[in-house]
Amino acid sequence: MSTPRTSPNCPVHRLSAASPGFTLIELLVVIAVVGLLLALLIPAVQNARQAARRSQCQNNLRQIGVALQNYHSQFRLFPPVAIWGGPPGEPLGGGQIPVGILDRIATGQASEDSPDRSFANWLILLLPNLDQTSLYRAYDSNIPVSHDRNAEVRETSLPALRCPSDSYSRTDNPYIRDLNAGSRTNRYARGNYAMNMGPNRGCMHELDPDCQEGFHVDNADLAHKNMCLWGDGLGGINVSFSFKDIQAGASNVVIVDEIRAGIHPADPRGSWALGFAGASATVRHGIIDPQEDAAGPNNLHSSSDDIIGCTLIRSEMGIEELKRLGMPCQSTGAELEINAQATARSQHPGGVFVLLADGSVHFVGNSVNPEIWFHMHSRQAAALPDSPF
């Protein structure tokens, strides 16, 4: 028998004995090992990502601290929490509400005779020191922040002002300032850092002789002559402070708290270009009693954080859901809502980052002694039982 001829392109292959494959038991063992490795790896990856997010949040605060130091070197003052435009007084407050509290845009009370009076806040003023000179030049300081010509500034999302640990601090989650008033045109990008306006009680010394540890106004005629509002923090409405005003020492007083971005389009909290409580200021966040329910970081009292829009937010999301998300708010009725109280908040496990006036950044736990929390937000000298730093 002759040997079969082969083509160089189609060689004859000889069959070899089949090699044994994995048995079922071996396959199950491999799957179990892979599953175990993944179970060990995923938490490690998540922890690494969380650590990276925390580090970025800290770095953002450090950069804000440098910017504040440079601003102070230039002007011999820190910026005010917000600039509030004239004429003097708050006629819509019935003689009971000071300037800087009532938001005409959010409540639908803006008109030609009573326009928005909220102008630049501390972060807009700080833009040149945050390497955002071009954005600062785009802001028209002669008109309110809500004006169409300032839309570019207020709608710009700045990574340096957003903590990556906050799942709501996103470009697709703007604050719609006029939503509560039935419109959707006035939008604001989110941010996570707020100037400490003061941990004081919600009373004013010039109006109430029994007021203790409250706020101050420049004139007791709130409806016609008042133009300034301040507490024991390091900034106020039309009020600035300097290092020389910090009796407690720059290394002991918080100038900027970490805050969370709003969880609903009508939630003003964490709106970096807007100078209201919750938006870019912490206010009345240091005294624990039945009337001051936002005291301490990440406070979960159902009435914590008095903000405009809370009535709408509560009706759509529910009180318990807001508490579950760590973002409760106080509803006083649609006709009475004001931006009057907000505390420090974060999505970091166990606490928040704070920036001290000396530029250092620290993590403060949710269980911090309330007395310490109050005094670390007051520029007034005080003897502390201990230090959280």
Protein backbone atom coordinates (compact mmCIF):
# COMPACT_ATOMS: atom_id res chain seq x y z
CA MET A 1 0.00 0.00 0.00
CA SER A 2 1.41 3.32 -1.00
CA THR A 3 1.95 6.16 1.48
CA PRO A 4 -0.79 8.81 1.18
CA ARG A 5 0.25 11.92 -0.52
CA THR A 6 -0.11 15.17 1.36
CA SER A 7 -0.50 18.77 0.34
CA PRO A 8 1.84 21.29 1.94
CA ASN A 9 -1.26 23.33 2.71
CA CYS A 10 -3.34 20.47 4.12
CA PRO A 11 -1.10 18.28 6.25
CA VAL A 12 -2.47 15.06 7.72
CA HIS A 13 -2.91 15.27 11.49
CA ARG A 14 -2.77 12.27 13.67
CA LEU A 15 -5.27 11.92 16.45
CA SER A 16 -3.77 11.81 19.89
CA ALA A 17 -5.24 10.47 23.05
CA ALA A 18 -7.65 13.00 24.66
CA SER A 19 -6.18 14.74 27.71
CA PRO A 20 -8.39 14.64 30.77
CA GLY A 21 -10.27 17.94 31.65
CA PHE A 22 -11.36 19.40 35.01
CA THR A 23 -13.54 17.21 37.12
CA LEU A 24 -16.69 18.71 38.59
CA ILE A 25 -15.12 18.84 42.05
CA GLU A 26 -12.03 20.62 40.74
CA LEU A 27 -14.22 23.15 38.89
CA LEU A 28 -16.23 23.86 42.04
CA VAL A 29 -13.02 24.33 44.02
CA VAL A 30 -11.71 26.83 41.45
CA ILE A 31 -14.99 28.76 41.50
CA ALA A 32 -14.93 28.85 45.30
CA VAL A 33 -11.34 30.13 45.35
CA VAL A 34 -12.14 32.85 42.79
CA GLY A 35 -15.22 33.87 44.79
CA LEU A 36 -13.15 34.04 47.97
CA LEU A 37 -10.54 36.20 46.29
CA LEU A 38 -13.20 38.54 44.94
CA ALA A 39 -14.82 38.77 48.38
CA LEU A 40 -11.46 39.82 49.81
CA LEU A 41 -10.58 42.12 46.93
CA ILE A 42 -13.81 44.12 46.54
CA PRO A 43 -13.81 45.60 50.08
CA ALA A 44 -10.14 46.44 49.71
CA VAL A 45 -10.83 48.25 46.43
CA GLN A 46 -13.80 50.06 47.98
CA ASN A 47 -11.71 51.08 50.98
CA ALA A 48 -8.97 52.35 48.70
CA ARG A 49 -11.47 54.38 46.71
CA GLN A 50 -13.02 55.81 49.86
CA ALA A 51 -9.57 56.72 51.18
CA ALA A 52 -8.81 58.47 47.90
CA ARG A 53 -12.10 60.39 48.07
CA ARG A 54 -11.43 61.41 51.68
CA SER A 55 -7.95 62.56 50.72
CA GLN A 56 -9.34 64.66 47.86
CA CYS A 57 -11.89 66.22 50.20
CA GLN A 58 -9.11 67.14 52.63
CA ASN A 59 -6.98 68.58 49.85
CA ASN A 60 -9.89 70.72 48.66
CA LEU A 61 -10.24 72.20 52.14
CA ARG A 62 -6.50 72.83 52.33
CA GLN A 63 -6.64 74.73 49.04
CA ILE A 64 -9.58 76.77 50.33
CA GLY A 65 -7.51 77.46 53.44
CA VAL A 66 -4.62 78.76 51.33
CA ALA A 67 -7.05 80.89 49.32
CA LEU A 68 -8.51 82.39 52.51
CA GLN A 69 -5.03 83.17 53.81
CA ASN A 70 -4.14 84.91 50.55
CA TYR A 71 -7.42 86.84 50.57
CA HIS A 72 -6.71 87.98 54.13
CA SER A 73 -3.19 89.04 53.15
CA GLN A 74 -4.65 91.17 50.38
CA PHE A 75 -7.58 92.78 52.21
CA ARG A 76 -6.61 92.34 55.88
CA LEU A 77 -9.99 90.64 56.31
CA PHE A 78 -11.67 87.34 55.52
CA PRO A 79 -14.55 87.60 53.05
CA PRO A 80 -18.11 88.03 54.36
CA VAL A 81 -20.45 85.06 54.14
CA ALA A 82 -22.49 87.06 51.64
CA ILE A 83 -23.01 90.55 50.28
CA TRP A 84 -26.62 91.66 50.68
CA GLY A 85 -27.84 94.51 48.51
CA GLY A 86 -29.90 97.53 49.51
CA PRO A 87 -32.08 99.33 50.25
CA PRO A 88 -31.69 98.85 54.00
CA GLY A 89 -34.04 96.61 55.93
CA GLU A 90 -36.11 93.54 55.13
CA PRO A 91 -39.66 94.80 54.50
CA LEU A 92 -40.93 91.30 53.71
CA GLY A 93 -39.98 90.04 57.17
CA GLY A 94 -42.64 91.89 59.13
CA GLY A 95 -40.00 93.49 61.31
CA GLN A 96 -38.94 90.06 62.64
CA ILE A 97 -36.55 88.74 59.99
CA PRO A 98 -33.09 90.28 59.47
CA VAL A 99 -31.33 90.65 56.14
CA GLY A 100 -29.74 87.58 54.56
CA ILE A 101 -32.45 85.10 55.61
CA LEU A 102 -35.42 85.47 53.23
CA ASP A 103 -34.89 84.35 49.62
CA ARG A 104 -37.13 86.25 47.21
CA ILE A 105 -36.34 83.95 44.28
CA ALA A 106 -37.04 80.69 46.13
CA THR A 107 -40.25 82.00 47.69
CA GLY A 108 -41.55 83.64 44.51
CA GLN A 109 -41.57 87.10 46.11
CA ALA A 110 -39.13 88.78 43.72
CA SER A 111 -40.48 91.69 41.70
CA GLU A 112 -39.33 94.94 40.11
CA ASP A 113 -40.09 96.71 43.37
CA SER A 114 -38.51 93.95 45.47
CA PRO A 115 -35.71 92.25 43.46
CA ASP A 116 -33.34 89.56 44.64
CA ARG A 117 -30.86 91.05 47.12
CA SER A 118 -28.35 88.19 47.31
CA PHE A 119 -25.11 89.23 45.59
CA ALA A 120 -21.65 87.62 45.78
CA ASN A 121 -20.93 85.13 48.54
CA TRP A 122 -17.57 84.26 50.08
CA LEU A 123 -16.69 81.64 47.47
CA ILE A 124 -17.38 83.94 44.53
CA LEU A 125 -15.13 86.52 46.19
CA LEU A 126 -12.50 83.82 46.68
CA LEU A 127 -12.44 82.67 43.04
CA PRO A 128 -9.25 84.58 42.04
CA ASN A 129 -7.41 82.84 44.89
CA LEU A 130 -8.70 79.46 43.72
CA ASP A 131 -7.16 79.83 40.23
CA GLN A 132 -10.54 80.85 38.81
CA THR A 133 -9.77 84.43 37.79
CA SER A 134 -11.55 84.14 34.44
CA LEU A 135 -14.71 82.87 36.11
CA TYR A 136 -14.51 85.68 38.65
CA ARG A 137 -14.22 88.23 35.84
CA ALA A 138 -17.36 86.75 34.30
CA TYR A 139 -19.31 87.66 37.44
CA ASP A 140 -21.09 91.02 37.41
CA SER A 141 -20.91 92.31 40.97
CA ASN A 142 -23.41 95.09 40.24
CA ILE A 143 -26.35 92.71 39.89
CA PRO A 144 -27.69 89.82 42.01
CA VAL A 145 -26.29 86.33 41.59
CA SER A 146 -29.66 85.23 40.21
CA HIS A 147 -29.45 87.56 37.20
CA ASP A 148 -29.18 85.95 33.77
CA ARG A 149 -25.79 87.58 33.18
CA ASN A 150 -24.41 85.65 36.18
CA ALA A 151 -25.75 82.27 35.04
CA GLU A 152 -22.36 81.10 33.77
CA VAL A 153 -20.75 81.62 37.17
CA ARG A 154 -23.44 80.09 39.37
CA GLU A 155 -23.94 77.09 37.06
CA THR A 156 -20.23 76.21 36.76
CA SER A 157 -19.34 73.05 38.64
CA LEU A 158 -15.89 73.34 40.21
CA PRO A 159 -14.19 70.06 41.21
CA ALA A 160 -12.16 71.96 43.84
CA LEU A 161 -15.41 72.79 45.64
CA ARG A 162 -16.95 69.32 45.49
CA CYS A 163 -16.16 66.45 47.86
CA PRO A 164 -16.08 63.21 45.81
CA SER A 165 -17.45 61.26 48.80
CA ASP A 166 -20.80 63.04 48.43
CA SER A 167 -22.94 60.98 46.07
CA TYR A 168 -25.28 63.95 45.44
CA SER A 169 -22.55 66.46 44.62
CA ARG A 170 -22.88 65.90 40.89
CA THR A 171 -23.16 68.05 37.78
CA ASP A 172 -26.57 66.51 37.01
CA ASN A 173 -27.99 67.51 40.40
CA PRO A 174 -28.18 71.32 40.38
CA TYR A 175 -30.17 73.36 42.87
CA ILE A 176 -33.16 74.86 41.08
CA ARG A 177 -33.70 77.96 43.17
CA ASP A 178 -37.08 78.92 41.75
CA LEU A 179 -38.54 75.38 41.73
CA ASN A 180 -40.35 75.95 45.02
CA ALA A 181 -41.94 79.03 43.39
CA GLY A 182 -43.18 77.05 40.38
CA SER A 183 -40.40 77.61 37.83
CA ARG A 184 -37.18 75.86 36.75
CA THR A 185 -34.89 78.55 35.33
CA ASN A 186 -32.55 79.63 38.16
CA ARG A 187 -29.91 76.89 38.61
CA TYR A 188 -26.85 76.54 40.83
CA ALA A 189 -23.99 74.05 40.78
CA ARG A 190 -23.32 72.04 43.93
CA GLY A 191 -20.49 72.36 46.41
CA ASN A 192 -19.50 70.91 49.78
CA TYR A 193 -17.91 73.68 51.83
CA ALA A 194 -19.57 76.33 53.99
CA MET A 195 -18.27 79.29 55.97
CA ASN A 196 -18.98 79.18 59.70
CA MET A 197 -21.33 82.10 60.34
CA GLY A 198 -21.83 81.21 64.00
CA PRO A 199 -23.15 78.42 66.23
CA ASN A 200 -25.37 80.88 68.10
CA ARG A 201 -29.00 80.68 69.17
CA GLY A 202 -31.73 81.96 66.88
CA CYS A 203 -32.27 85.23 68.73
CA MET A 204 -30.84 88.74 68.33
CA HIS A 205 -29.35 90.68 71.23
CA GLU A 206 -30.52 94.03 69.91
CA LEU A 207 -34.16 92.89 69.85
CA ASP A 208 -34.40 90.55 72.82
CA PRO A 209 -32.91 91.55 76.19
CA ASP A 210 -33.16 87.91 77.32
CA CYS A 211 -31.21 86.62 74.31
CA GLN A 212 -28.17 84.60 75.35
CA GLU A 213 -25.45 83.50 72.92
CA GLY A 214 -27.47 84.87 70.01
CA PHE A 215 -26.74 86.84 66.84
CA HIS A 216 -26.24 90.57 66.31
CA VAL A 217 -27.70 93.13 63.90
CA ASP A 218 -26.46 96.63 63.18
CA ASN A 219 -29.91 98.17 63.69
CA ALA A 220 -32.95 96.91 65.59
CA ASP A 221 -35.28 98.33 62.92
CA LEU A 222 -35.16 95.16 60.84
CA ALA A 223 -37.77 96.29 58.35
CA HIS A 224 -36.17 99.59 57.38
CA LYS A 225 -32.57 100.05 58.58
CA ASN A 226 -30.90 96.69 59.16
CA MET A 227 -28.06 95.78 56.73
CA CYS A 228 -25.77 93.49 58.74
CA LEU A 229 -26.15 90.18 60.56
CA TRP A 230 -23.39 88.29 62.36
CA GLY A 231 -22.70 85.74 65.08
CA ASP A 232 -19.61 84.27 66.73
CA GLY A 233 -18.30 82.71 63.52
CA LEU A 234 -15.81 84.18 61.06
CA GLY A 235 -18.17 85.76 58.57
CA GLY A 236 -21.58 87.40 58.42
CA ILE A 237 -24.00 89.13 56.09
CA ASN A 238 -22.12 92.26 54.97
CA VAL A 239 -19.69 91.61 57.84
CA SER A 240 -16.05 90.50 57.67
CA PHE A 241 -13.59 89.55 60.39
CA SER A 242 -9.81 89.35 60.60
CA PHE A 243 -7.23 87.36 62.52
CA LYS A 244 -7.19 90.02 65.21
CA ASP A 245 -10.88 89.31 65.92
CA ILE A 246 -10.18 85.66 66.77
CA GLN A 247 -9.78 85.82 70.52
CA ALA A 248 -9.76 82.03 70.82
CA GLY A 249 -6.78 81.72 68.45
CA ALA A 250 -6.70 80.76 64.77
CA SER A 251 -5.69 77.17 65.58
CA ASN A 252 -8.84 76.65 67.66
CA VAL A 253 -11.64 78.08 65.51
CA VAL A 254 -13.38 76.60 62.46
CA ILE A 255 -13.72 78.90 59.48
CA VAL A 256 -15.12 76.35 56.98
CA ASP A 257 -17.26 73.26 57.61
CA GLU A 258 -17.88 70.39 55.26
CA ILE A 259 -21.52 70.19 54.13
CA ARG A 260 -23.56 67.94 51.87
CA ALA A 261 -25.18 68.74 48.54
CA GLY A 262 -28.96 68.85 48.45
CA ILE A 263 -30.75 65.56 47.75
CA HIS A 264 -33.65 67.19 45.88
CA PRO A 265 -33.72 69.90 43.16
CA ALA A 266 -35.47 72.23 45.64
CA ASP A 267 -32.86 71.60 48.37
CA PRO A 268 -30.52 74.63 48.56
CA ARG A 269 -27.92 72.90 50.72
CA GLY A 270 -24.52 72.73 49.09
CA SER A 271 -24.99 75.42 46.40
CA TRP A 272 -21.53 76.94 46.25
CA ALA A 273 -22.36 80.34 44.69
CA LEU A 274 -25.32 81.15 46.93
CA GLY A 275 -24.82 82.95 50.26
CA PHE A 276 -27.56 81.45 52.43
CA ALA A 277 -27.61 79.12 55.42
CA GLY A 278 -27.08 75.59 54.16
CA ALA A 279 -26.07 76.72 50.67
CA SER A 280 -22.59 77.98 51.63
CA ALA A 281 -22.89 78.78 55.34
CA THR A 282 -23.32 76.84 58.57
CA VAL A 283 -25.57 78.68 61.02
CA ARG A 284 -27.08 77.94 64.46
CA HIS A 285 -25.31 74.59 64.62
CA GLY A 286 -23.77 74.56 68.07
CA ILE A 287 -26.29 74.69 70.91
CA ILE A 288 -28.33 71.65 71.94
CA ASP A 289 -31.73 72.55 73.37
CA PRO A 290 -35.36 72.17 72.18
CA GLN A 291 -35.10 75.33 70.06
CA GLU A 292 -31.72 74.61 68.45
CA ASP A 293 -31.98 71.18 66.89
CA ALA A 294 -29.15 71.28 64.32
CA ALA A 295 -26.36 71.15 66.89
CA GLY A 296 -23.41 68.92 66.08
CA PRO A 297 -22.17 67.33 62.86
CA ASN A 298 -24.58 65.10 60.90
CA ASN A 299 -27.41 65.84 63.32
CA LEU A 300 -30.45 63.64 62.61
CA HIS A 301 -33.12 65.53 64.52
CA SER A 302 -36.18 65.60 62.26
CA SER A 303 -36.31 69.41 62.54
CA SER A 304 -32.63 70.02 61.90
CA ASP A 305 -31.69 72.48 59.12
CA ASP A 306 -34.25 75.26 58.51
CA ILE A 307 -34.21 75.76 54.75
CA ILE A 308 -36.54 77.08 52.08
CA GLY A 309 -38.03 74.22 50.09
CA CYS A 310 -38.30 71.79 52.98
CA THR A 311 -42.10 71.68 52.81
CA LEU A 312 -41.90 70.50 49.20
CA ILE A 313 -39.02 68.12 49.91
CA ARG A 314 -40.79 66.52 52.88
CA SER A 315 -44.03 66.09 50.94
CA GLU A 316 -42.26 64.29 48.09
CA MET A 317 -39.69 62.26 50.05
CA GLY A 318 -41.07 61.92 53.58
CA ILE A 319 -39.51 62.76 56.95
CA GLU A 320 -38.18 59.26 57.63
CA GLU A 321 -36.53 58.98 54.22
CA LEU A 322 -34.76 62.28 54.79
CA LYS A 323 -33.47 61.02 58.13
CA ARG A 324 -32.39 57.74 56.53
CA LEU A 325 -30.40 59.71 53.97
CA GLY A 326 -28.88 61.83 56.74
CA MET A 327 -30.46 65.04 55.42
CA PRO A 328 -33.40 66.05 57.64
CA CYS A 329 -34.87 69.54 57.37
CA GLN A 330 -37.36 71.76 59.16
CA SER A 331 -40.64 72.69 57.50
CA THR A 332 -42.35 75.78 58.87
CA GLY A 333 -44.95 76.06 56.14
CA ALA A 334 -44.56 77.42 52.61
CA GLU A 335 -45.40 81.01 53.61
CA LEU A 336 -42.90 81.10 56.48
CA GLU A 337 -39.89 79.27 55.08
CA ILE A 338 -36.53 80.96 55.53
CA ASN A 339 -32.90 79.87 55.28
CA ALA A 340 -32.04 80.14 58.96
CA GLN A 341 -30.18 77.05 60.17
CA ALA A 342 -27.80 74.38 58.88
CA THR A 343 -25.11 72.19 60.37
CA ALA A 344 -22.02 70.42 59.05
CA ARG A 345 -22.68 67.17 57.15
CA SER A 346 -20.77 64.60 55.10
CA GLN A 347 -20.99 61.07 53.76
CA HIS A 348 -17.70 60.09 55.38
CA PRO A 349 -18.31 57.38 57.96
CA GLY A 350 -18.44 58.84 61.47
CA GLY A 351 -17.87 62.57 61.06
CA VAL A 352 -16.91 65.61 58.98
CA PHE A 353 -13.82 67.52 57.93
CA VAL A 354 -13.36 71.10 59.14
CA LEU A 355 -10.91 73.83 58.17
CA LEU A 356 -9.47 75.93 60.98
CA ALA A 357 -8.56 79.59 60.59
CA ASP A 358 -4.86 78.70 60.67
CA GLY A 359 -5.29 76.63 57.48
CA SER A 360 -5.16 73.16 59.08
CA VAL A 361 -7.74 70.48 58.27
CA HIS A 362 -9.12 68.06 60.86
CA PHE A 363 -11.68 65.26 61.05
CA VAL A 364 -14.28 65.66 63.82
CA GLY A 365 -16.43 62.74 64.88
CA ASN A 366 -20.20 62.86 65.17
CA SER A 367 -19.92 62.10 68.89
CA VAL A 368 -17.85 65.21 69.63
CA ASN A 369 -18.67 66.86 72.97
CA PRO A 370 -21.41 69.44 72.18
CA GLU A 371 -19.68 72.07 74.30
CA ILE A 372 -16.46 71.59 72.35
CA TRP A 373 -18.33 71.71 69.03
CA PHE A 374 -19.91 75.02 70.03
CA HIS A 375 -16.69 76.67 71.19
CA MET A 376 -14.61 75.45 68.25
CA HIS A 377 -17.01 77.46 66.06
CA SER A 378 -16.76 80.63 68.17
CA ARG A 379 -14.07 83.25 67.72
CA GLN A 380 -14.64 84.29 71.34
CA ALA A 381 -12.09 82.98 73.84
CA ALA A 382 -13.33 80.10 76.01
CA ALA A 383 -11.89 77.46 78.29
CA LEU A 384 -12.51 74.07 76.67
CA PRO A 385 -12.70 70.84 78.64
CA ASP A 386 -10.68 69.09 75.95
CA SER A 387 -9.67 69.50 72.31
CA PRO A 388 -10.89 67.37 69.40
CA PHE A 389 -7.72 68.07 67.37
